[in-house]
C-alpha atoms as a PDB file:
ATOM      1  CA  PHE A   1     112.032  85.156  94.884  1.00  0.00           C
ATOM      2  CA  VAL A   2     111.795  86.387  98.428  1.00  0.00           C
ATOM      3  CA  ARG A   3     109.996  89.533  99.454  1.00  0.00           C
ATOM      4  CA  GLU A   4     110.786  91.077 102.816  1.00  0.00           C
ATOM      5  CA  MET A   5     108.937  93.941 104.437  1.00  0.00           C
ATOM      6  CA  GLU A   6     109.455  95.896 107.642  1.00  0.00           C
ATOM      7  CA  ASP A   7     106.850  97.902 109.461  1.00  0.00           C
ATOM      8  CA  LEU A   8     107.291 101.656 109.805  1.00  0.00           C
ATOM      9  CA  ASP A   9     109.438 101.290 112.915  1.00  0.00           C
ATOM     10  CA  GLY A  10     111.619  98.620 111.271  1.00  0.00           C
ATOM     11  CA  ARG A  11     110.792  96.113 114.017  1.00  0.00           C
ATOM     12  CA  HIS A  12     108.667  93.460 112.300  1.00  0.00           C
ATOM     13  CA  LYS A  13     109.919  91.572 109.279  1.00  0.00           C
ATOM     14  CA  GLU A  14     107.638  89.533 107.072  1.00  0.00           C
ATOM     15  CA  SER A  15     108.862  87.472 104.180  1.00  0.00           C
ATOM     16  CA  ALA A  16     107.071  85.560 101.475  1.00  0.00           C
ATOM     17  CA  GLU A  17     108.772  83.146  99.136  1.00  0.00           C
ATOM     18  CA  ILE A  18     107.473  82.873  95.602  1.00  0.00           C
ATOM     19  CA  LYS A  19     108.919  79.977  93.651  1.00  0.00           C
ATOM     20  CA  SER A  20     109.794  80.594  90.042  1.00  0.00           C
ATOM     21  CA  ASP A  21     108.606  78.277  87.295  1.00  0.00           C
ATOM     22  CA  GLU A  22     111.073  75.497  86.388  1.00  0.00           C
ATOM     23  CA  LYS A  23     111.140  76.765  82.788  1.00  0.00           C
ATOM     24  CA  SER A  24     112.190  80.288  83.822  1.00  0.00           C
ATOM     25  CA  SER A  25     115.741  81.455  83.636  1.00  0.00           C
ATOM     26  CA  PRO A  26     117.954  81.294  86.777  1.00  0.00           C
ATOM     27  CA  GLN A  27     117.996  85.085  86.939  1.00  0.00           C
ATOM     28  CA  MET A  28     114.206  85.171  87.423  1.00  0.00           C
ATOM     29  CA  GLY A  29     114.517  83.647  90.909  1.00  0.00           C
ATOM     30  CA  ALA A  30     117.084  86.257  91.966  1.00  0.00           C
ATOM     31  CA  ILE A  31     114.830  89.296  91.470  1.00  0.00           C
ATOM     32  CA  ASP A  32     113.987  91.218  94.643  1.00  0.00           C
ATOM     33  CA  LEU A  33     110.710  93.100  94.771  1.00  0.00           C
ATOM     34  CA  ILE A  34     111.382  96.649  95.945  1.00  0.00           C
ATOM     35  CA  LEU A  35     108.392  98.424  97.445  1.00  0.00           C
ATOM     36  CA  HIS A  36     108.187 102.204  97.157  1.00  0.00           C
ATOM     37  CA  PRO A  37     105.871 104.071  99.539  1.00  0.00           C
ATOM     38  CA  PRO A  38     104.361 107.334  98.268  1.00  0.00           C
ATOM     39  CA  VAL A  39     106.115 110.598  99.122  1.00  0.00           C
ATOM     40  CA  ASN A  40     105.558 111.683 102.747  1.00  0.00           C
ATOM     41  CA  PHE A  41     104.011 108.316 103.656  1.00  0.00           C
ATOM     42  CA  SER A  42     103.374 107.858 107.366  1.00  0.00           C
ATOM     43  CA  MET A  43     101.071 105.978 109.715  1.00  0.00           C
ATOM     44  CA  VAL A  44      98.637 108.255 111.570  1.00  0.00           C
ATOM     45  CA  VAL A  45      97.291 105.467 113.796  1.00  0.00           C
ATOM     46  CA  LYS A  46      97.124 101.726 113.207  1.00  0.00           C
ATOM     47  CA  GLY A  47      95.269 101.182 109.923  1.00  0.00           C
ATOM     48  CA  ILE A  48      95.168 104.879 108.931  1.00  0.00           C
ATOM     49  CA  TYR A  49      97.909 106.327 106.739  1.00  0.00           C
ATOM     50  CA  ARG A  50      98.712 109.648 105.081  1.00  0.00           C
ATOM     51  CA  SER A  51     100.873 110.435 102.088  1.00  0.00           C
ATOM     52  CA  GLY A  52     101.472 112.572  99.084  1.00  0.00           C
ATOM     53  CA  PHE A  53      99.872 111.579  95.798  1.00  0.00           C
ATOM     54  CA  PRO A  54     100.692 107.965  94.800  1.00  0.00           C
ATOM     55  CA  THR A  55     102.075 107.006  91.407  1.00  0.00           C
ATOM     56  CA  LYS A  56     102.174 103.664  89.555  1.00  0.00           C
ATOM     57  CA  LYS A  57     105.490 102.785  91.187  1.00  0.00           C
ATOM     58  CA  ASN A  58     103.742 102.977  94.606  1.00  0.00           C
ATOM     59  CA  PHE A  59     100.934 100.534  93.709  1.00  0.00           C
ATOM     60  CA  PRO A  60     102.757  97.347  94.877  1.00  0.00           C
ATOM     61  CA  PHE A  61     103.420  98.993  98.260  1.00  0.00           C
ATOM     62  CA  LEU A  62      99.819 100.185  98.586  1.00  0.00           C
ATOM     63  CA  THR A  63      98.608  96.649  97.862  1.00  0.00           C
ATOM     64  CA  THR A  64     100.406  95.404 101.001  1.00  0.00           C
ATOM     65  CA  LEU A  65      98.348  97.817 103.152  1.00  0.00           C
ATOM     66  CA  ARG A  66      95.017  96.212 102.156  1.00  0.00           C
ATOM     67  CA  LEU A  67      93.375  99.617 101.908  1.00  0.00           C
ATOM     68  CA  ARG A  68      89.581  99.864 102.045  1.00  0.00           C
ATOM     69  CA  SER A  69      89.269 103.545 101.141  1.00  0.00           C
ATOM     70  CA  ILE A  70      91.294 106.531  99.979  1.00  0.00           C
ATOM     71  CA  ILE A  71      90.461 110.126 100.840  1.00  0.00           C
ATOM     72  CA  TYR A  72      91.553 112.335  97.934  1.00  0.00           C
ATOM     73  CA  MET A  73      91.596 116.036  98.813  1.00  0.00           C
ATOM     74  CA  CYS A  74      92.466 117.767  95.536  1.00  0.00           C
ATOM     75  CA  GLU A  75      90.364 119.656  93.020  1.00  0.00           C
ATOM     76  CA  GLU A  76      91.710 117.690  90.047  1.00  0.00           C
ATOM     77  CA  GLU A  77      90.053 114.494  88.850  1.00  0.00           C
ATOM     78  CA  TYR A  78      91.636 111.258  90.046  1.00  0.00           C
ATOM     79  CA  PRO A  79      93.930 109.942  87.253  1.00  0.00           C
ATOM     80  CA  PRO A  80      92.736 106.950  85.156  1.00  0.00           C
ATOM     81  CA  ALA A  81      95.687 104.718  86.160  1.00  0.00           C
ATOM     82  CA  ASN A  82      94.913 105.309  89.850  1.00  0.00           C
ATOM     83  CA  LEU A  83      91.190 104.724  89.272  1.00  0.00           C
ATOM     84  CA  ASP A  84      91.998 101.426  87.579  1.00  0.00           C
ATOM     85  CA  PHE A  85      94.208 100.406  90.517  1.00  0.00           C
ATOM     86  CA  ILE A  86      91.572 101.154  93.171  1.00  0.00           C
ATOM     87  CA  ARG A  87      88.834  99.410  91.169  1.00  0.00           C
ATOM     88  CA  ARG A  88      90.956  96.257  90.765  1.00  0.00           C
ATOM     89  CA  HIS A  89      91.596  96.196  94.527  1.00  0.00           C
ATOM     90  CA  GLY A  90      88.086  97.081  95.711  1.00  0.00           C
ATOM     91  CA  ILE A  91      89.179 100.387  97.261  1.00  0.00           C
ATOM     92  CA  LYS A  92      86.554 103.094  97.742  1.00  0.00           C
ATOM     93  CA  LEU A  93      87.517 106.634  96.625  1.00  0.00           C
ATOM     94  CA  LEU A  94      86.266 109.553  98.718  1.00  0.00           C
ATOM     95  CA  HIS A  95      86.954 112.729  96.715  1.00  0.00           C
ATOM     96  CA  TYR A  96      86.806 116.017  98.611  1.00  0.00           C
ATOM     97  CA  GLY A  97      88.079 118.791  96.361  1.00  0.00           C
ATOM     98  CA  GLY A  98      90.153 121.402  98.065  1.00  0.00           C
ATOM     99  CA  THR A  99      92.996 123.727  97.313  1.00  0.00           C
ATOM    100  CA  GLY A 100      96.411 122.328  98.101  1.00  0.00           C
ATOM    101  CA  ASN A 101      98.545 123.470 100.979  1.00  0.00           C
ATOM    102  CA  LYS A 102     102.078 123.047  99.634  1.00  0.00           C
ATOM    103  CA  GLU A 103     102.906 126.676 100.288  1.00  0.00           C
ATOM    104  CA  PRO A 104     103.833 127.351 103.921  1.00  0.00           C
ATOM    105  CA  PHE A 105     101.029 129.868 104.527  1.00  0.00           C
ATOM    106  CA  LEU A 106      98.316 128.408 102.266  1.00  0.00           C
ATOM    107  CA  LEU A 107      95.914 126.270 104.295  1.00  0.00           C
ATOM    108  CA  MET A 108      93.082 124.017 103.232  1.00  0.00           C
ATOM    109  CA  LYS A 109      89.639 125.121 104.385  1.00  0.00           C
ATOM    110  CA  THR A 110      88.815 123.702 107.799  1.00  0.00           C
ATOM    111  CA  SER A 111      85.291 122.829 106.638  1.00  0.00           C
ATOM    112  CA  THR A 112      86.690 120.622 103.827  1.00  0.00           C
ATOM    113  CA  THR A 113      89.019 118.845 106.222  1.00  0.00           C
ATOM    114  CA  ARG A 114      86.214 118.234 108.747  1.00  0.00           C
ATOM    115  CA  LEU A 115      83.915 116.898 106.026  1.00  0.00           C
ATOM    116  CA  ALA A 116      86.587 114.438 104.848  1.00  0.00           C
ATOM    117  CA  VAL A 117      87.341 113.155 108.336  1.00  0.00           C
END
């Protein structure tokens, strides 16, 4: 099957062809891989990204970024499925617990943010 990706501006297209096994059914070669970025995903600067919390459906997309580390800024423990994903891909987890800021007037402590950055 063919996988196509565009950068965040939609300018660059990259495709990779993966040939199906001769014994597989004809439908196997027609499957398109759909990549799902995490909620609120955006590039901050080249090589640095921000997003909401990723789920299993986001893992194929995250793999394409070749991440080296993830800064996790929540009080809760990092979920086992996500820990397994980062371990398999050699990604370092930097966990800085902090209260969320989903409410419009609830801000994360500046000291926590500075420590993480």
